[in-house]
Amino acid sequence: MKGIKGILTMVLAYLLLGVVSGVIFSIFFFRIDFIINYIFISILGAMIFLFFQIVFQFGFYKLAK
């Protein structure tokens, strides 16, 4: 994906993944009262993963050249 549209699409996809995984995690552990905390932690984890994925992808691309 190239350009701003590609970046925004990827970030939104990872944000949605974080929300969905937070909801699933809270339902799995029967902690509906902490659903916002699980969603926040899942979104944070997804964004950190996306950051490192982009850094490693850029690094390996430069290394391959």
C-alpha atoms as a PDB file:
ATOM      1  CA  MET A   1       0.000   0.000   0.000  1.00  0.00           C
ATOM      2  CA  LYS A   2       1.330   3.365  -0.952  1.00  0.00           C
ATOM      3  CA  GLY A   3       0.596   6.879   0.119  1.00  0.00           C
ATOM      4  CA  ILE A   4      -1.454   8.350   2.898  1.00  0.00           C
ATOM      5  CA  LYS A   5      -4.524   6.270   2.038  1.00  0.00           C
ATOM      6  CA  GLY A   6      -2.550   3.048   2.452  1.00  0.00           C
ATOM      7  CA  ILE A   7      -1.082   4.155   5.767  1.00  0.00           C
ATOM      8  CA  LEU A   8      -4.476   5.226   7.114  1.00  0.00           C
ATOM      9  CA  THR A   9      -6.038   1.954   5.976  1.00  0.00           C
ATOM     10  CA  MET A  10      -3.346  -0.044   7.740  1.00  0.00           C
ATOM     11  CA  VAL A  11      -3.595   1.979  10.963  1.00  0.00           C
ATOM     12  CA  LEU A  12      -7.394   1.711  11.001  1.00  0.00           C
ATOM     13  CA  ALA A  13      -7.183  -2.036  10.388  1.00  0.00           C
ATOM     14  CA  TYR A  14      -4.816  -2.451  13.347  1.00  0.00           C
ATOM     15  CA  LEU A  15      -7.023  -0.242  15.535  1.00  0.00           C
ATOM     16  CA  LEU A  16     -10.033  -2.377  14.650  1.00  0.00           C
ATOM     17  CA  LEU A  17      -7.996  -5.495  15.364  1.00  0.00           C
ATOM     18  CA  GLY A  18      -7.115  -4.069  18.782  1.00  0.00           C
ATOM     19  CA  VAL A  19     -10.765  -3.308  19.594  1.00  0.00           C
ATOM     20  CA  VAL A  20     -11.971  -6.733  18.498  1.00  0.00           C
ATOM     21  CA  SER A  21      -9.224  -8.576  20.365  1.00  0.00           C
ATOM     22  CA  GLY A  22      -9.913  -6.518  23.514  1.00  0.00           C
ATOM     23  CA  VAL A  23     -13.597  -7.408  23.393  1.00  0.00           C
ATOM     24  CA  ILE A  24     -12.854 -11.092  22.781  1.00  0.00           C
ATOM     25  CA  PHE A  25     -10.313 -11.112  25.606  1.00  0.00           C
ATOM     26  CA  SER A  26     -12.758  -9.552  28.070  1.00  0.00           C
ATOM     27  CA  ILE A  27     -15.520 -11.976  27.100  1.00  0.00           C
ATOM     28  CA  PHE A  28     -13.147 -14.953  27.281  1.00  0.00           C
ATOM     29  CA  PHE A  29     -12.124 -14.087  30.856  1.00  0.00           C
ATOM     30  CA  PHE A  30     -15.670 -13.011  31.856  1.00  0.00           C
ATOM     31  CA  ARG A  31     -14.496  -9.513  32.803  1.00  0.00           C
ATOM     32  CA  ILE A  32     -17.038  -7.347  31.033  1.00  0.00           C
ATOM     33  CA  ASP A  33     -16.565  -4.621  33.659  1.00  0.00           C
ATOM     34  CA  PHE A  34     -12.961  -4.036  32.464  1.00  0.00           C
ATOM     35  CA  ILE A  35     -13.749  -4.082  28.743  1.00  0.00           C
ATOM     36  CA  ILE A  36     -12.449  -0.527  28.185  1.00  0.00           C
ATOM     37  CA  ASN A  37      -9.118  -1.403  29.829  1.00  0.00           C
ATOM     38  CA  TYR A  38      -8.705  -4.512  27.690  1.00  0.00           C
ATOM     39  CA  ILE A  39      -9.579  -2.579  24.536  1.00  0.00           C
ATOM     40  CA  PHE A  40      -7.047   0.144  25.398  1.00  0.00           C
ATOM     41  CA  ILE A  41      -4.296  -2.392  26.119  1.00  0.00           C
ATOM     42  CA  SER A  42      -5.089  -4.333  22.937  1.00  0.00           C
ATOM     43  CA  ILE A  43      -5.027  -1.181  20.805  1.00  0.00           C
ATOM     44  CA  LEU A  44      -1.728  -0.145  22.371  1.00  0.00           C
ATOM     45  CA  GLY A  45      -0.263  -3.593  21.699  1.00  0.00           C
ATOM     46  CA  ALA A  46      -1.490  -3.564  18.098  1.00  0.00           C
ATOM     47  CA  MET A  47       0.033  -0.129  17.465  1.00  0.00           C
ATOM     48  CA  ILE A  48       3.372  -1.182  18.987  1.00  0.00           C
ATOM     49  CA  PHE A  49       3.333  -4.308  16.835  1.00  0.00           C
ATOM     50  CA  LEU A  50       2.553  -2.224  13.732  1.00  0.00           C
ATOM     51  CA  PHE A  51       5.410   0.156  14.527  1.00  0.00           C
ATOM     52  CA  PHE A  52       7.970  -2.627  14.871  1.00  0.00           C
ATOM     53  CA  GLN A  53       6.604  -4.404  11.820  1.00  0.00           C
ATOM     54  CA  ILE A  54       7.129  -1.267   9.724  1.00  0.00           C
ATOM     55  CA  VAL A  55      10.610  -0.676  11.184  1.00  0.00           C
ATOM     56  CA  PHE A  56      11.713  -4.252  10.490  1.00  0.00           C
ATOM     57  CA  GLN A  57      10.177  -4.217   7.021  1.00  0.00           C
ATOM     58  CA  PHE A  58      12.004  -0.984   6.188  1.00  0.00           C
ATOM     59  CA  GLY A  59      15.244  -2.344   7.669  1.00  0.00           C
ATOM     60  CA  PHE A  60      15.090  -5.606   5.749  1.00  0.00           C
ATOM     61  CA  TYR A  61      14.227  -3.726   2.564  1.00  0.00           C
ATOM     62  CA  LYS A  62      17.317  -1.525   2.952  1.00  0.00           C
ATOM     63  CA  LEU A  63      19.439  -4.562   3.853  1.00  0.00           C
ATOM     64  CA  ALA A  64      18.319  -6.445   0.736  1.00  0.00           C
ATOM     65  CA  LYS A  65      19.382  -3.625  -1.577  1.00  0.00           C
END
